[in-house]
N, C-alpha and C. Protein backbone atom coordinates (compact mmCIF):
# COMPACT_ATOMS: atom_id res chain seq x y z
N MET A 1 20.35 0.86 9.55
CA MET A 1 19.88 0.04 10.63
C MET A 1 18.35 -0.04 10.56
N ILE A 2 17.85 -1.23 10.73
CA ILE A 2 16.40 -1.45 10.75
C ILE A 2 15.91 -1.23 12.17
N ARG A 3 14.85 -0.45 12.29
CA ARG A 3 14.29 -0.13 13.61
C ARG A 3 13.00 -0.92 13.80
N ILE A 4 12.93 -1.67 14.89
CA ILE A 4 11.73 -2.42 15.25
C ILE A 4 11.14 -1.75 16.50
N VAL A 5 9.83 -1.55 16.46
CA VAL A 5 9.16 -0.90 17.59
C VAL A 5 8.02 -1.80 18.08
N ASP A 6 7.56 -1.53 19.29
CA ASP A 6 6.41 -2.26 19.82
C ASP A 6 5.19 -1.99 18.96
N TYR A 7 4.26 -2.92 18.97
CA TYR A 7 3.02 -2.76 18.23
C TYR A 7 2.34 -1.45 18.60
N ASP A 8 1.83 -0.77 17.60
CA ASP A 8 1.11 0.49 17.81
C ASP A 8 -0.36 0.25 17.44
N PRO A 9 -1.28 0.36 18.39
CA PRO A 9 -2.69 0.12 18.07
C PRO A 9 -3.28 1.12 17.08
N ALA A 10 -2.54 2.18 16.75
CA ALA A 10 -3.01 3.14 15.74
C ALA A 10 -2.73 2.66 14.32
N TRP A 11 -1.91 1.63 14.14
CA TRP A 11 -1.56 1.18 12.79
C TRP A 11 -2.78 0.82 11.93
N PRO A 12 -3.77 0.08 12.45
CA PRO A 12 -4.93 -0.20 11.60
C PRO A 12 -5.65 1.06 11.13
N ASP A 13 -5.75 2.06 12.00
CA ASP A 13 -6.39 3.32 11.59
C ASP A 13 -5.56 4.06 10.55
N ARG A 14 -4.25 4.02 10.71
CA ARG A 14 -3.38 4.65 9.70
C ARG A 14 -3.55 3.96 8.35
N PHE A 15 -3.61 2.61 8.38
CA PHE A 15 -3.84 1.90 7.12
C PHE A 15 -5.17 2.31 6.51
N GLU A 16 -6.22 2.37 7.31
CA GLU A 16 -7.54 2.70 6.79
C GLU A 16 -7.53 4.08 6.14
N ALA A 17 -6.83 5.03 6.72
CA ALA A 17 -6.72 6.37 6.12
C ALA A 17 -5.99 6.29 4.78
N LEU A 18 -4.91 5.52 4.73
CA LEU A 18 -4.18 5.34 3.47
C LEU A 18 -5.06 4.65 2.43
N ARG A 19 -5.78 3.59 2.86
CA ARG A 19 -6.64 2.85 1.94
C ARG A 19 -7.66 3.79 1.30
N LYS A 20 -8.26 4.65 2.10
CA LYS A 20 -9.25 5.59 1.57
C LYS A 20 -8.60 6.56 0.58
N ASP A 21 -7.44 7.09 0.93
CA ASP A 21 -6.74 8.01 0.02
C ASP A 21 -6.40 7.33 -1.30
N TYR A 22 -5.86 6.12 -1.22
CA TYR A 22 -5.48 5.40 -2.43
C TYR A 22 -6.71 5.05 -3.27
N ALA A 23 -7.77 4.60 -2.62
CA ALA A 23 -8.99 4.25 -3.35
C ALA A 23 -9.57 5.47 -4.06
N GLN A 24 -9.60 6.61 -3.37
CA GLN A 24 -10.12 7.83 -3.99
C GLN A 24 -9.27 8.26 -5.18
N ALA A 25 -7.95 8.19 -5.03
CA ALA A 25 -7.06 8.59 -6.12
C ALA A 25 -7.21 7.65 -7.31
N LEU A 26 -7.31 6.36 -7.06
CA LEU A 26 -7.48 5.40 -8.16
C LEU A 26 -8.82 5.62 -8.85
N GLU A 27 -9.87 5.83 -8.07
CA GLU A 27 -11.19 6.07 -8.65
C GLU A 27 -11.17 7.34 -9.50
N ALA A 28 -10.53 8.39 -9.02
CA ALA A 28 -10.44 9.64 -9.78
C ALA A 28 -9.66 9.43 -11.08
N GLY A 29 -8.73 8.48 -11.08
CA GLY A 29 -7.96 8.16 -12.28
C GLY A 29 -8.62 7.10 -13.14
N CYS A 30 -9.87 6.76 -12.82
CA CYS A 30 -10.64 5.74 -13.56
C CYS A 30 -9.95 4.38 -13.54
N VAL A 31 -9.33 4.05 -12.41
CA VAL A 31 -8.65 2.77 -12.25
C VAL A 31 -9.40 1.98 -11.18
N PRO A 32 -10.13 0.93 -11.59
CA PRO A 32 -10.84 0.14 -10.58
C PRO A 32 -9.87 -0.75 -9.79
N ALA A 33 -9.89 -0.61 -8.48
CA ALA A 33 -9.07 -1.46 -7.62
C ALA A 33 -9.90 -2.65 -7.17
N ILE A 34 -9.33 -3.84 -7.27
CA ILE A 34 -10.01 -5.03 -6.77
C ILE A 34 -9.97 -5.02 -5.25
N SER A 35 -8.80 -4.70 -4.70
CA SER A 35 -8.68 -4.62 -3.25
C SER A 35 -7.45 -3.81 -2.87
N ILE A 36 -7.48 -3.29 -1.68
CA ILE A 36 -6.33 -2.61 -1.07
C ILE A 36 -6.20 -3.23 0.31
N GLU A 37 -5.12 -3.96 0.53
CA GLU A 37 -4.97 -4.76 1.74
C GLU A 37 -3.81 -4.27 2.61
N HIS A 38 -4.00 -4.38 3.92
CA HIS A 38 -2.94 -4.09 4.89
C HIS A 38 -2.14 -5.38 5.05
N VAL A 39 -0.86 -5.34 4.69
CA VAL A 39 0.00 -6.52 4.75
C VAL A 39 1.25 -6.20 5.55
N GLY A 40 2.05 -7.20 5.78
CA GLY A 40 3.31 -6.98 6.49
C GLY A 40 3.13 -6.99 7.99
N SER A 41 4.22 -6.75 8.68
CA SER A 41 4.24 -6.91 10.13
C SER A 41 3.31 -5.95 10.87
N THR A 42 3.08 -4.76 10.34
CA THR A 42 2.18 -3.83 11.05
C THR A 42 0.72 -4.27 10.98
N SER A 43 0.42 -5.24 10.13
CA SER A 43 -0.96 -5.73 10.02
C SER A 43 -1.28 -6.82 11.04
N VAL A 44 -0.28 -7.26 11.80
CA VAL A 44 -0.47 -8.35 12.76
C VAL A 44 -0.62 -7.76 14.17
N PRO A 45 -1.82 -7.84 14.74
CA PRO A 45 -2.03 -7.27 16.07
C PRO A 45 -1.05 -7.83 17.11
N GLY A 46 -0.45 -6.93 17.86
CA GLY A 46 0.45 -7.32 18.93
C GLY A 46 1.89 -7.58 18.53
N LEU A 47 2.19 -7.59 17.24
CA LEU A 47 3.53 -7.92 16.77
C LEU A 47 4.41 -6.67 16.68
N ALA A 48 5.60 -6.74 17.26
CA ALA A 48 6.57 -5.66 17.07
C ALA A 48 6.95 -5.63 15.60
N ALA A 49 7.25 -4.44 15.07
CA ALA A 49 7.44 -4.32 13.62
C ALA A 49 8.24 -3.09 13.27
N LYS A 50 8.69 -3.04 12.00
CA LYS A 50 9.21 -1.79 11.44
C LYS A 50 8.00 -0.86 11.35
N PRO A 51 8.12 0.39 11.73
CA PRO A 51 6.96 1.28 11.73
C PRO A 51 6.63 1.82 10.33
N VAL A 52 6.37 0.89 9.42
CA VAL A 52 6.03 1.23 8.03
C VAL A 52 4.75 0.47 7.68
N ILE A 53 3.73 1.19 7.24
CA ILE A 53 2.47 0.56 6.86
C ILE A 53 2.62 0.06 5.42
N ASP A 54 2.58 -1.26 5.25
CA ASP A 54 2.67 -1.87 3.92
C ASP A 54 1.27 -2.14 3.39
N CYS A 55 1.05 -1.79 2.13
CA CYS A 55 -0.24 -2.00 1.49
C CYS A 55 -0.03 -2.74 0.17
N ASP A 56 -0.93 -3.65 -0.13
CA ASP A 56 -1.00 -4.26 -1.46
C ASP A 56 -2.20 -3.67 -2.16
N ILE A 57 -1.97 -3.13 -3.35
CA ILE A 57 -3.05 -2.58 -4.17
C ILE A 57 -3.20 -3.51 -5.36
N VAL A 58 -4.38 -4.12 -5.49
CA VAL A 58 -4.61 -5.12 -6.53
C VAL A 58 -5.52 -4.52 -7.59
N VAL A 59 -5.04 -4.51 -8.84
CA VAL A 59 -5.84 -4.09 -9.99
C VAL A 59 -5.79 -5.20 -11.03
N ALA A 60 -6.88 -5.43 -11.72
CA ALA A 60 -6.93 -6.48 -12.73
C ALA A 60 -6.43 -5.96 -14.07
N GLU A 61 -6.72 -4.73 -14.33
CA GLU A 61 -6.36 -4.12 -15.60
C GLU A 61 -5.84 -2.71 -15.32
N HIS A 62 -5.47 -2.02 -16.36
CA HIS A 62 -5.06 -0.62 -16.22
C HIS A 62 -3.85 -0.45 -15.30
N VAL A 63 -2.90 -1.38 -15.38
CA VAL A 63 -1.73 -1.33 -14.50
C VAL A 63 -0.95 -0.04 -14.73
N GLU A 64 -0.76 0.35 -16.00
CA GLU A 64 -0.01 1.57 -16.27
C GLU A 64 -0.73 2.80 -15.72
N ALA A 65 -2.06 2.83 -15.84
CA ALA A 65 -2.82 3.95 -15.30
C ALA A 65 -2.72 3.96 -13.77
N ALA A 66 -2.76 2.79 -13.15
CA ALA A 66 -2.60 2.71 -11.69
C ALA A 66 -1.22 3.20 -11.28
N THR A 67 -0.20 2.83 -12.06
CA THR A 67 1.16 3.30 -11.78
C THR A 67 1.22 4.81 -11.84
N ASP A 68 0.59 5.40 -12.85
CA ASP A 68 0.59 6.86 -12.98
C ASP A 68 -0.08 7.52 -11.78
N VAL A 69 -1.19 6.96 -11.32
CA VAL A 69 -1.89 7.50 -10.15
C VAL A 69 -0.97 7.45 -8.93
N LEU A 70 -0.31 6.30 -8.73
CA LEU A 70 0.55 6.14 -7.56
C LEU A 70 1.78 7.04 -7.63
N ILE A 71 2.31 7.25 -8.82
CA ILE A 71 3.42 8.21 -8.98
C ILE A 71 2.95 9.60 -8.54
N GLY A 72 1.72 9.94 -8.91
CA GLY A 72 1.15 11.22 -8.51
C GLY A 72 1.01 11.37 -7.00
N LEU A 73 0.95 10.24 -6.30
CA LEU A 73 0.87 10.26 -4.83
C LEU A 73 2.24 10.23 -4.18
N GLY A 74 3.30 10.20 -5.01
CA GLY A 74 4.66 10.24 -4.47
C GLY A 74 5.41 8.93 -4.48
N PHE A 75 4.81 7.88 -5.04
CA PHE A 75 5.50 6.59 -5.12
C PHE A 75 6.49 6.58 -6.27
N SER A 76 7.48 5.71 -6.18
CA SER A 76 8.46 5.51 -7.25
C SER A 76 8.33 4.08 -7.76
N PRO A 77 8.05 3.89 -9.05
CA PRO A 77 7.93 2.53 -9.57
C PRO A 77 9.28 1.82 -9.57
N LEU A 78 9.27 0.56 -9.16
CA LEU A 78 10.49 -0.24 -9.14
C LEU A 78 10.42 -1.41 -10.11
N GLY A 79 9.44 -1.38 -11.01
CA GLY A 79 9.34 -2.45 -12.00
C GLY A 79 8.99 -3.77 -11.34
N GLU A 80 9.51 -4.82 -11.92
CA GLU A 80 9.21 -6.17 -11.44
C GLU A 80 10.22 -6.66 -10.42
N LEU A 81 11.24 -5.83 -10.11
CA LEU A 81 12.27 -6.21 -9.14
C LEU A 81 12.93 -7.54 -9.47
N GLY A 82 13.05 -7.82 -10.77
CA GLY A 82 13.71 -9.05 -11.19
C GLY A 82 12.85 -10.29 -11.10
N ILE A 83 11.58 -10.13 -10.77
CA ILE A 83 10.68 -11.28 -10.64
C ILE A 83 10.16 -11.64 -12.02
N PRO A 84 10.40 -12.89 -12.48
CA PRO A 84 9.90 -13.27 -13.80
C PRO A 84 8.37 -13.29 -13.82
N GLN A 85 7.83 -12.95 -14.98
CA GLN A 85 6.36 -12.92 -15.11
C GLN A 85 5.83 -14.29 -15.44
């Protein structure tokens, strides 16, 4: 079951903490990030949402190195999810 909750004004701060952690980890792994963006329903002020902070991490190069860094943070790679390149 998908759980939707009222907007939480702490979500932007939670994203900012995640953004800093991800940026530091990528920098330590010598992976330059172009941007780390707060996306999805929790990024919209006032909108009820699933209580999951979604982030887009954009890198121009070093995708495999970025994947390794994110695995080290506990992420699981899902490949291209069937999306053609």
